[in-house]
Amino acid sequence: MTINPQYAERDTDFFRRHERSLGKQKLGESGAFQQQTVSVVEASYEVSLEIAKQKKPHTIGETLIKPCARKIVKRVLGEDQLGSKSGFQKRVKEVAPNAKGIHCMIHHFALASKTLPDELCKILEAVVKCVNFVKALDLNSCFFQNLCRDMDSEHEALLFYSKVRWISKGNVVNRVFELRGELKLCLEVQGKDDLLSHFNEVLWEPHLAYLADIFELLNRLNLKLQGKDRNVFHLMDCLRAFLAKLQNWQRKIIAGNVAMFENLSTVLDENEDHLLDP
């Protein structure tokens, strides 16, 4: 205890907890410790697989499984396990008193990306309803798959939307945009006039294209904020660069230039008479 006298009064439970914590970490290429996340990814995959096996809407992960998991963790581990005063941060500071705690930038970014204008929220809700209709029954999924094959489409299936993985918004919307013609025909054949009504709106396609572009850009930014060797300075540089792009894009939009939004630009070129509301 002469090397670390600050731990002289610690009980054996403290050192056991510390040993278990180190056991869950591994050395990266740089020699720094990295927390393993493999088990988290595997758990997420297993939950998604069970939902698919039961042929339930994928959104049940957000509406049922996630709240239940929170209650289980709260009951088993207690409310303060992740708190800064009595949870994880406190335990870290017991080992490294000079460590500073910050809120996860990716988490804040994800929350901010959920804020959409009402008009675009309606587009997203319509997309989710259309996807759920096709994916809810095997018969509908098979029909849509065969339809895509007959039309020589690049893709043959839609993607499920899950609020548990917010990044899935971009993937789902982009896939619907790519298969919008096939999806419209499918709804026509199935007689789903309530869903088909969205496709017949004048600005449906430009708004869908714009939403797909926005989510694609946000997904790219999110991926830049993840991975090994990412520190707070790298994250801040990425965010500053993205904010600068937003200001530049705003100036271009005012000037009538939407070339940075690939899908929207394509739709407007194909439908010169359709104007996207500001």
C-alpha atoms as a PDB file:
ATOM      1  CA  MET A   1       0.000   0.000   0.000  1.00  0.00           C
ATOM      2  CA  THR A   2       3.040   2.329  -0.018  1.00  0.00           C
ATOM      3  CA  ILE A   3       2.629   2.932  -3.775  1.00  0.00           C
ATOM      4  CA  ASN A   4      -1.079   3.870  -3.548  1.00  0.00           C
ATOM      5  CA  PRO A   5      -1.685   4.992   0.038  1.00  0.00           C
ATOM      6  CA  GLN A   6      -5.109   6.433  -0.894  1.00  0.00           C
ATOM      7  CA  TYR A   7      -6.413   2.842  -1.077  1.00  0.00           C
ATOM      8  CA  ALA A   8      -5.069   1.744   2.289  1.00  0.00           C
ATOM      9  CA  GLU A   9      -8.448   1.993   3.993  1.00  0.00           C
ATOM     10  CA  ARG A  10     -10.416   0.308   1.193  1.00  0.00           C
ATOM     11  CA  ASP A  11     -12.177  -2.979   1.966  1.00  0.00           C
ATOM     12  CA  THR A  12     -11.728  -6.137  -0.092  1.00  0.00           C
ATOM     13  CA  ASP A  13     -15.030  -5.601  -1.962  1.00  0.00           C
ATOM     14  CA  PHE A  14     -13.603  -2.447  -3.551  1.00  0.00           C
ATOM     15  CA  PHE A  15     -10.637  -4.336  -5.027  1.00  0.00           C
ATOM     16  CA  ARG A  16     -12.844  -7.218  -6.174  1.00  0.00           C
ATOM     17  CA  ARG A  17     -15.105  -4.788  -8.043  1.00  0.00           C
ATOM     18  CA  HIS A  18     -12.045  -3.184  -9.584  1.00  0.00           C
ATOM     19  CA  GLU A  19     -10.696  -6.600 -10.637  1.00  0.00           C
ATOM     20  CA  ARG A  20     -14.010  -7.555 -12.259  1.00  0.00           C
ATOM     21  CA  SER A  21     -14.100  -4.229 -14.101  1.00  0.00           C
ATOM     22  CA  LEU A  22     -10.610  -4.746 -15.497  1.00  0.00           C
ATOM     23  CA  GLY A  23     -11.555  -8.262 -16.507  1.00  0.00           C
ATOM     24  CA  LYS A  24     -14.255  -6.875 -18.797  1.00  0.00           C
ATOM     25  CA  GLN A  25     -11.785  -4.671 -20.642  1.00  0.00           C
ATOM     26  CA  LYS A  26      -9.122  -5.345 -23.224  1.00  0.00           C
ATOM     27  CA  LEU A  27      -6.050  -3.594 -24.536  1.00  0.00           C
ATOM     28  CA  GLY A  28      -6.410  -1.809 -27.845  1.00  0.00           C
ATOM     29  CA  GLU A  29      -3.715  -1.480 -30.492  1.00  0.00           C
ATOM     30  CA  SER A  30      -2.480   1.703 -28.855  1.00  0.00           C
ATOM     31  CA  GLY A  31      -2.129  -0.025 -25.482  1.00  0.00           C
ATOM     32  CA  ALA A  32      -5.130   1.796 -23.993  1.00  0.00           C
ATOM     33  CA  PHE A  33      -7.973  -0.071 -22.332  1.00  0.00           C
ATOM     34  CA  GLN A  34     -11.228  -0.343 -24.277  1.00  0.00           C
ATOM     35  CA  GLN A  35     -14.536  -1.495 -22.835  1.00  0.00           C
ATOM     36  CA  GLN A  36     -15.923  -4.528 -24.677  1.00  0.00           C
ATOM     37  CA  THR A  37     -19.263  -3.927 -26.408  1.00  0.00           C
ATOM     38  CA  VAL A  38     -19.603  -7.291 -28.135  1.00  0.00           C
ATOM     39  CA  SER A  39     -22.075  -8.553 -25.544  1.00  0.00           C
ATOM     40  CA  VAL A  40     -24.263  -5.470 -26.033  1.00  0.00           C
ATOM     41  CA  VAL A  41     -24.406  -5.979 -29.799  1.00  0.00           C
ATOM     42  CA  GLU A  42     -25.098  -9.687 -29.376  1.00  0.00           C
ATOM     43  CA  ALA A  43     -27.906  -8.995 -26.899  1.00  0.00           C
ATOM     44  CA  SER A  44     -29.487  -6.491 -29.284  1.00  0.00           C
ATOM     45  CA  TYR A  45     -29.269  -8.996 -32.141  1.00  0.00           C
ATOM     46  CA  GLU A  46     -30.789 -11.798 -30.069  1.00  0.00           C
ATOM     47  CA  VAL A  47     -33.739  -9.620 -29.051  1.00  0.00           C
ATOM     48  CA  SER A  48     -34.327  -8.593 -32.671  1.00  0.00           C
ATOM     49  CA  LEU A  49     -34.124 -12.239 -33.756  1.00  0.00           C
ATOM     50  CA  GLU A  50     -36.723 -13.311 -31.184  1.00  0.00           C
ATOM     51  CA  ILE A  51     -39.062 -10.522 -32.326  1.00  0.00           C
ATOM     52  CA  ALA A  52     -38.682 -11.681 -35.932  1.00  0.00           C
ATOM     53  CA  LYS A  53     -39.308 -15.317 -34.985  1.00  0.00           C
ATOM     54  CA  GLN A  54     -42.560 -14.352 -33.291  1.00  0.00           C
ATOM     55  CA  LYS A  55     -43.541 -12.345 -36.396  1.00  0.00           C
ATOM     56  CA  LYS A  56     -44.209  -9.277 -34.297  1.00  0.00           C
ATOM     57  CA  PRO A  57     -43.768  -5.663 -35.464  1.00  0.00           C
ATOM     58  CA  HIS A  58     -40.179  -4.645 -34.841  1.00  0.00           C
ATOM     59  CA  THR A  59     -41.383  -1.540 -32.979  1.00  0.00           C
ATOM     60  CA  ILE A  60     -42.371  -3.824 -30.086  1.00  0.00           C
ATOM     61  CA  GLY A  61     -38.738  -3.563 -29.040  1.00  0.00           C
ATOM     62  CA  GLU A  62     -39.307   0.099 -28.218  1.00  0.00           C
ATOM     63  CA  THR A  63     -42.865  -0.102 -26.914  1.00  0.00           C
ATOM     64  CA  LEU A  64     -42.596  -3.237 -24.746  1.00  0.00           C
ATOM     65  CA  ILE A  65     -39.163  -4.840 -24.439  1.00  0.00           C
ATOM     66  CA  LYS A  66     -37.202  -1.661 -23.724  1.00  0.00           C
ATOM     67  CA  PRO A  67     -39.536  -0.442 -20.924  1.00  0.00           C
ATOM     68  CA  CYS A  68     -39.523  -3.946 -19.401  1.00  0.00           C
ATOM     69  CA  ALA A  69     -35.728  -4.121 -19.553  1.00  0.00           C
ATOM     70  CA  ARG A  70     -35.500  -0.776 -17.788  1.00  0.00           C
ATOM     71  CA  LYS A  71     -37.786  -1.956 -15.017  1.00  0.00           C
ATOM     72  CA  ILE A  72     -35.733  -5.134 -14.606  1.00  0.00           C
ATOM     73  CA  VAL A  73     -32.448  -3.215 -14.398  1.00  0.00           C
ATOM     74  CA  LYS A  74     -33.959  -0.698 -12.000  1.00  0.00           C
ATOM     75  CA  ARG A  75     -35.308  -3.441  -9.746  1.00  0.00           C
ATOM     76  CA  VAL A  76     -32.189  -5.640  -9.797  1.00  0.00           C
ATOM     77  CA  LEU A  77     -29.417  -3.025  -9.809  1.00  0.00           C
ATOM     78  CA  GLY A  78     -31.147  -0.029  -8.281  1.00  0.00           C
ATOM     79  CA  GLU A  79     -31.805   3.462  -9.613  1.00  0.00           C
ATOM     80  CA  ASP A  80     -28.362   4.946  -9.028  1.00  0.00           C
ATOM     81  CA  GLN A  81     -26.073   2.490 -10.810  1.00  0.00           C
ATOM     82  CA  LEU A  82     -25.285   4.966 -13.568  1.00  0.00           C
ATOM     83  CA  GLY A  83     -25.425   8.139 -11.521  1.00  0.00           C
ATOM     84  CA  SER A  84     -22.542  10.601 -11.316  1.00  0.00           C
ATOM     85  CA  LYS A  85     -22.674  10.725  -7.504  1.00  0.00           C
ATOM     86  CA  SER A  86     -23.240   7.109  -6.543  1.00  0.00           C
ATOM     87  CA  GLY A  87     -22.893   5.087  -9.734  1.00  0.00           C
ATOM     88  CA  PHE A  88     -20.418   4.466 -12.525  1.00  0.00           C
ATOM     89  CA  GLN A  89     -18.764   7.896 -12.568  1.00  0.00           C
ATOM     90  CA  LYS A  90     -18.178   7.795  -8.832  1.00  0.00           C
ATOM     91  CA  ARG A  91     -16.490   4.400  -9.086  1.00  0.00           C
ATOM     92  CA  VAL A  92     -14.248   5.633 -11.888  1.00  0.00           C
ATOM     93  CA  LYS A  93     -13.210   8.655  -9.846  1.00  0.00           C
ATOM     94  CA  GLU A  94     -12.368   6.387  -6.921  1.00  0.00           C
ATOM     95  CA  VAL A  95      -9.690   4.848  -9.125  1.00  0.00           C
ATOM     96  CA  ALA A  96      -8.792   7.996 -11.115  1.00  0.00           C
ATOM     97  CA  PRO A  97      -9.668  11.123  -9.070  1.00  0.00           C
ATOM     98  CA  ASN A  98      -8.694  13.480 -11.902  1.00  0.00           C
ATOM     99  CA  ALA A  99     -11.083  11.905 -14.419  1.00  0.00           C
ATOM    100  CA  LYS A 100     -13.763  14.201 -15.785  1.00  0.00           C
ATOM    101  CA  GLY A 101     -17.267  13.041 -16.721  1.00  0.00           C
ATOM    102  CA  ILE A 102     -19.061  14.343 -19.800  1.00  0.00           C
ATOM    103  CA  HIS A 103     -22.388  13.488 -21.375  1.00  0.00           C
ATOM    104  CA  CYS A 104     -22.293  11.295 -24.455  1.00  0.00           C
ATOM    105  CA  MET A 105     -22.193  13.506 -27.552  1.00  0.00           C
ATOM    106  CA  ILE A 106     -23.642  10.778 -29.731  1.00  0.00           C
ATOM    107  CA  HIS A 107     -26.603  10.451 -27.335  1.00  0.00           C
ATOM    108  CA  HIS A 108     -27.316  14.190 -27.463  1.00  0.00           C
ATOM    109  CA  PHE A 109     -26.911  14.169 -31.231  1.00  0.00           C
ATOM    110  CA  ALA A 110     -29.365  11.291 -31.523  1.00  0.00           C
ATOM    111  CA  LEU A 111     -31.945  13.141 -29.436  1.00  0.00           C
ATOM    112  CA  ALA A 112     -31.554  16.288 -31.528  1.00  0.00           C
ATOM    113  CA  SER A 113     -31.986  14.319 -34.757  1.00  0.00           C
ATOM    114  CA  LYS A 114     -35.392  13.100 -33.567  1.00  0.00           C
ATOM    115  CA  THR A 115     -36.807  16.622 -33.787  1.00  0.00           C
ATOM    116  CA  LEU A 116     -38.566  17.069 -37.122  1.00  0.00           C
ATOM    117  CA  PRO A 117     -41.097  19.571 -38.464  1.00  0.00           C
ATOM    118  CA  ASP A 118     -44.675  18.314 -38.288  1.00  0.00           C
ATOM    119  CA  GLU A 119     -44.877  17.962 -42.057  1.00  0.00           C
ATOM    120  CA  LEU A 120     -41.838  15.687 -42.196  1.00  0.00           C
ATOM    121  CA  CYS A 121     -43.048  13.756 -39.137  1.00  0.00           C
ATOM    122  CA  LYS A 122     -46.202  12.918 -41.081  1.00  0.00           C
ATOM    123  CA  ILE A 123     -44.068  11.626 -43.956  1.00  0.00           C
ATOM    124  CA  LEU A 124     -42.084   9.419 -41.571  1.00  0.00           C
ATOM    125  CA  GLU A 125     -45.257   8.095 -39.936  1.00  0.00           C
ATOM    126  CA  ALA A 126     -46.695   7.241 -43.352  1.00  0.00           C
ATOM    127  CA  VAL A 127     -43.464   5.444 -44.302  1.00  0.00           C
ATOM    128  CA  VAL A 128     -43.581   3.350 -41.119  1.00  0.00           C
ATOM    129  CA  LYS A 129     -47.237   2.426 -41.730  1.00  0.00           C
ATOM    130  CA  CYS A 130     -46.487   1.316 -45.291  1.00  0.00           C
ATOM    131  CA  VAL A 131     -43.499  -0.741 -44.172  1.00  0.00           C
ATOM    132  CA  ASN A 132     -45.480  -2.370 -41.361  1.00  0.00           C
ATOM    133  CA  PHE A 133     -48.261  -3.296 -43.778  1.00  0.00           C
ATOM    134  CA  VAL A 134     -45.836  -5.068 -46.116  1.00  0.00           C
ATOM    135  CA  LYS A 135     -43.760  -6.697 -43.383  1.00  0.00           C
ATOM    136  CA  ALA A 136     -46.589  -7.679 -41.012  1.00  0.00           C
ATOM    137  CA  LEU A 137     -47.696 -10.745 -43.003  1.00  0.00           C
ATOM    138  CA  ASP A 138     -45.616 -13.286 -44.896  1.00  0.00           C
ATOM    139  CA  LEU A 139     -48.128 -13.157 -47.745  1.00  0.00           C
ATOM    140  CA  ASN A 140     -47.617  -9.428 -48.201  1.00  0.00           C
ATOM    141  CA  SER A 141     -43.839  -9.757 -47.955  1.00  0.00           C
ATOM    142  CA  CYS A 142     -43.753 -12.539 -50.565  1.00  0.00           C
ATOM    143  CA  PHE A 143     -46.018 -10.595 -52.899  1.00  0.00           C
ATOM    144  CA  PHE A 144     -43.839  -7.503 -52.635  1.00  0.00           C
ATOM    145  CA  GLN A 145     -40.673  -9.547 -53.142  1.00  0.00           C
ATOM    146  CA  ASN A 146     -42.064 -11.168 -56.309  1.00  0.00           C
ATOM    147  CA  LEU A 147     -43.233  -7.780 -57.536  1.00  0.00           C
ATOM    148  CA  CYS A 148     -39.739  -6.339 -57.128  1.00  0.00           C
ATOM    149  CA  ARG A 149     -38.235  -9.319 -58.957  1.00  0.00           C
ATOM    150  CA  ASP A 150     -40.641  -8.907 -61.860  1.00  0.00           C
ATOM    151  CA  MET A 151     -39.708  -5.219 -62.080  1.00  0.00           C
ATOM    152  CA  ASP A 152     -35.953  -6.014 -61.926  1.00  0.00           C
ATOM    153  CA  SER A 153     -35.598  -3.813 -58.840  1.00  0.00           C
ATOM    154  CA  GLU A 154     -32.253  -3.358 -57.142  1.00  0.00           C
ATOM    155  CA  HIS A 155     -33.784  -4.458 -53.815  1.00  0.00           C
ATOM    156  CA  GLU A 156     -36.506  -7.005 -53.045  1.00  0.00           C
ATOM    157  CA  ALA A 157     -37.483  -6.104 -49.478  1.00  0.00           C
ATOM    158  CA  LEU A 158     -38.252  -3.163 -47.235  1.00  0.00           C
ATOM    159  CA  LEU A 159     -36.491  -2.633 -43.909  1.00  0.00           C
ATOM    160  CA  PHE A 160     -38.108  -2.572 -40.477  1.00  0.00           C
ATOM    161  CA  TYR A 161     -38.079   0.686 -38.544  1.00  0.00           C
ATOM    162  CA  SER A 162     -37.075   0.552 -34.890  1.00  0.00           C
ATOM    163  CA  LYS A 163     -36.864   3.470 -32.476  1.00  0.00           C
ATOM    164  CA  VAL A 164     -34.431   1.381 -30.448  1.00  0.00           C
ATOM    165  CA  ARG A 165     -31.916   1.990 -33.225  1.00  0.00           C
ATOM    166  CA  TRP A 166     -32.592   5.556 -34.279  1.00  0.00           C
ATOM    167  CA  ILE A 167     -30.086   5.285 -37.133  1.00  0.00           C
ATOM    168  CA  SER A 168     -32.535   2.847 -38.771  1.00  0.00           C
ATOM    169  CA  LYS A 169     -34.698   5.815 -39.728  1.00  0.00           C
ATOM    170  CA  GLY A 170     -32.327   6.730 -42.526  1.00  0.00           C
ATOM    171  CA  ASN A 171     -32.029   3.171 -43.790  1.00  0.00           C
ATOM    172  CA  VAL A 172     -35.798   2.621 -43.792  1.00  0.00           C
ATOM    173  CA  VAL A 173     -36.654   5.919 -45.491  1.00  0.00           C
ATOM    174  CA  ASN A 174     -33.938   5.486 -48.122  1.00  0.00           C
ATOM    175  CA  ARG A 175     -35.152   1.988 -48.969  1.00  0.00           C
ATOM    176  CA  VAL A 176     -38.757   3.202 -49.287  1.00  0.00           C
ATOM    177  CA  PHE A 177     -37.584   6.026 -51.535  1.00  0.00           C
ATOM    178  CA  GLU A 178     -35.652   3.599 -53.743  1.00  0.00           C
ATOM    179  CA  LEU A 179     -38.667   1.273 -53.997  1.00  0.00           C
ATOM    180  CA  ARG A 180     -41.375   3.958 -54.001  1.00  0.00           C
ATOM    181  CA  GLY A 181     -42.681   2.894 -57.416  1.00  0.00           C
ATOM    182  CA  GLU A 182     -42.861  -0.772 -56.453  1.00  0.00           C
ATOM    183  CA  LEU A 183     -44.456   0.074 -53.096  1.00  0.00           C
ATOM    184  CA  LYS A 184     -47.116   2.263 -54.725  1.00  0.00           C
ATOM    185  CA  LEU A 185     -48.006  -0.508 -57.170  1.00  0.00           C
ATOM    186  CA  CYS A 186     -48.172  -3.021 -54.319  1.00  0.00           C
ATOM    187  CA  LEU A 187     -50.606  -0.813 -52.384  1.00  0.00           C
ATOM    188  CA  GLU A 188     -52.724  -0.340 -55.513  1.00  0.00           C
ATOM    189  CA  VAL A 189     -53.006  -4.087 -56.093  1.00  0.00           C
ATOM    190  CA  GLN A 190     -53.758  -4.719 -52.413  1.00  0.00           C
ATOM    191  CA  GLY A 191     -56.427  -1.999 -52.404  1.00  0.00           C
ATOM    192  CA  LYS A 192     -54.855  -0.043 -49.537  1.00  0.00           C
ATOM    193  CA  ASP A 193     -56.393   3.297 -50.462  1.00  0.00           C
ATOM    194  CA  ASP A 194     -55.648   4.837 -47.058  1.00  0.00           C
ATOM    195  CA  LEU A 195     -51.902   4.299 -47.499  1.00  0.00           C
ATOM    196  CA  LEU A 196     -51.988   4.944 -51.220  1.00  0.00           C
ATOM    197  CA  SER A 197     -53.411   8.416 -50.589  1.00  0.00           C
ATOM    198  CA  HIS A 198     -50.004   9.566 -49.329  1.00  0.00           C
ATOM    199  CA  PHE A 199     -48.358   8.665 -52.651  1.00  0.00           C
ATOM    200  CA  ASN A 200     -50.950  10.712 -54.528  1.00  0.00           C
ATOM    201  CA  GLU A 201     -50.140  13.914 -52.646  1.00  0.00           C
ATOM    202  CA  VAL A 202     -48.387  16.496 -54.823  1.00  0.00           C
ATOM    203  CA  LEU A 203     -45.384  17.015 -52.543  1.00  0.00           C
ATOM    204  CA  TRP A 204     -45.127  13.449 -51.215  1.00  0.00           C
ATOM    205  CA  GLU A 205     -42.192  12.461 -53.414  1.00  0.00           C
ATOM    206  CA  PRO A 206     -40.103  15.648 -52.906  1.00  0.00           C
ATOM    207  CA  HIS A 207     -40.664  15.502 -49.152  1.00  0.00           C
ATOM    208  CA  LEU A 208     -39.773  11.793 -49.049  1.00  0.00           C
ATOM    209  CA  ALA A 209     -36.617  12.485 -51.065  1.00  0.00           C
ATOM    210  CA  TYR A 210     -35.618  15.354 -48.763  1.00  0.00           C
ATOM    211  CA  LEU A 211     -36.212  13.204 -45.672  1.00  0.00           C
ATOM    212  CA  ALA A 212     -34.095  10.396 -47.140  1.00  0.00           C
ATOM    213  CA  ASP A 213     -31.276  12.846 -47.878  1.00  0.00           C
ATOM    214  CA  ILE A 214     -31.355  14.397 -44.411  1.00  0.00           C
ATOM    215  CA  PHE A 215     -31.269  11.044 -42.614  1.00  0.00           C
ATOM    216  CA  GLU A 216     -28.469   9.808 -44.871  1.00  0.00           C
ATOM    217  CA  LEU A 217     -26.347  12.842 -43.990  1.00  0.00           C
ATOM    218  CA  LEU A 218     -27.078  12.396 -40.278  1.00  0.00           C
ATOM    219  CA  ASN A 219     -26.193   8.696 -40.483  1.00  0.00           C
ATOM    220  CA  ARG A 220     -22.834   9.535 -42.046  1.00  0.00           C
ATOM    221  CA  LEU A 221     -22.110  12.003 -39.264  1.00  0.00           C
ATOM    222  CA  ASN A 222     -23.126   9.482 -36.607  1.00  0.00           C
ATOM    223  CA  LEU A 223     -20.737   6.881 -38.014  1.00  0.00           C
ATOM    224  CA  LYS A 224     -17.891   9.396 -37.897  1.00  0.00           C
ATOM    225  CA  LEU A 225     -18.539   9.834 -34.174  1.00  0.00           C
ATOM    226  CA  GLN A 226     -18.087   6.124 -33.489  1.00  0.00           C
ATOM    227  CA  GLY A 227     -15.253   3.640 -33.603  1.00  0.00           C
ATOM    228  CA  LYS A 228     -11.801   3.217 -32.106  1.00  0.00           C
ATOM    229  CA  ASP A 229      -9.453   6.120 -31.362  1.00  0.00           C
ATOM    230  CA  ARG A 230     -12.326   8.608 -31.140  1.00  0.00           C
ATOM    231  CA  ASN A 231     -11.767  11.273 -28.494  1.00  0.00           C
ATOM    232  CA  VAL A 232     -13.633  14.418 -27.526  1.00  0.00           C
ATOM    233  CA  PHE A 233     -11.460  16.573 -29.811  1.00  0.00           C
ATOM    234  CA  HIS A 234     -12.264  14.411 -32.830  1.00  0.00           C
ATOM    235  CA  LEU A 235     -15.982  14.527 -32.004  1.00  0.00           C
ATOM    236  CA  MET A 236     -15.961  18.311 -31.656  1.00  0.00           C
ATOM    237  CA  ASP A 237     -14.137  18.687 -34.989  1.00  0.00           C
ATOM    238  CA  CYS A 238     -16.762  16.495 -36.702  1.00  0.00           C
ATOM    239  CA  LEU A 239     -19.639  18.458 -35.194  1.00  0.00           C
ATOM    240  CA  ARG A 240     -18.099  21.844 -36.054  1.00  0.00           C
ATOM    241  CA  ALA A 241     -17.523  20.720 -39.634  1.00  0.00           C
ATOM    242  CA  PHE A 242     -21.116  19.527 -39.925  1.00  0.00           C
ATOM    243  CA  LEU A 243     -22.478  22.794 -38.519  1.00  0.00           C
ATOM    244  CA  ALA A 244     -20.385  24.702 -41.053  1.00  0.00           C
ATOM    245  CA  LYS A 245     -21.874  22.542 -43.821  1.00  0.00           C
ATOM    246  CA  LEU A 246     -25.382  23.314 -42.579  1.00  0.00           C
ATOM    247  CA  GLN A 247     -24.722  27.050 -42.798  1.00  0.00           C
ATOM    248  CA  ASN A 248     -23.307  26.644 -46.296  1.00  0.00           C
ATOM    249  CA  TRP A 249     -26.262  24.525 -47.387  1.00  0.00           C
ATOM    250  CA  GLN A 250     -28.675  27.117 -46.025  1.00  0.00           C
ATOM    251  CA  ARG A 251     -27.082  29.795 -48.182  1.00  0.00           C
ATOM    252  CA  LYS A 252     -27.277  27.542 -51.239  1.00  0.00           C
ATOM    253  CA  ILE A 253     -30.937  26.685 -50.617  1.00  0.00           C
ATOM    254  CA  ILE A 254     -31.806  30.382 -50.402  1.00  0.00           C
ATOM    255  CA  ALA A 255     -30.112  30.756 -53.782  1.00  0.00           C
ATOM    256  CA  GLY A 256     -32.215  27.882 -55.158  1.00  0.00           C
ATOM    257  CA  ASN A 257     -29.415  25.275 -55.216  1.00  0.00           C
ATOM    258  CA  VAL A 258     -30.290  21.864 -53.724  1.00  0.00           C
ATOM    259  CA  ALA A 259     -27.548  19.843 -55.450  1.00  0.00           C
ATOM    260  CA  MET A 260     -26.182  18.655 -52.060  1.00  0.00           C
ATOM    261  CA  PHE A 261     -29.435  16.711 -51.559  1.00  0.00           C
ATOM    262  CA  GLU A 262     -29.021  14.007 -54.172  1.00  0.00           C
ATOM    263  CA  ASN A 263     -32.472  12.388 -53.999  1.00  0.00           C
ATOM    264  CA  LEU A 264     -34.318  15.688 -53.817  1.00  0.00           C
ATOM    265  CA  SER A 265     -32.333  17.092 -56.706  1.00  0.00           C
ATOM    266  CA  THR A 266     -33.195  14.045 -58.829  1.00  0.00           C
ATOM    267  CA  VAL A 267     -36.915  14.283 -58.037  1.00  0.00           C
ATOM    268  CA  LEU A 268     -37.067  18.006 -58.804  1.00  0.00           C
ATOM    269  CA  ASP A 269     -35.264  17.467 -62.102  1.00  0.00           C
ATOM    270  CA  GLU A 270     -37.778  14.767 -63.036  1.00  0.00           C
ATOM    271  CA  ASN A 271     -40.746  16.907 -61.944  1.00  0.00           C
ATOM    272  CA  GLU A 272     -39.878  20.478 -62.801  1.00  0.00           C
ATOM    273  CA  ASP A 273     -43.413  21.652 -62.059  1.00  0.00           C
ATOM    274  CA  HIS A 274     -43.301  20.414 -58.439  1.00  0.00           C
ATOM    275  CA  LEU A 275     -41.872  22.949 -56.040  1.00  0.00           C
ATOM    276  CA  LEU A 276     -40.789  22.044 -52.506  1.00  0.00           C
ATOM    277  CA  ASP A 277     -42.196  24.413 -49.916  1.00  0.00           C
ATOM    278  CA  PRO A 278     -39.540  26.305 -47.959  1.00  0.00           C
END
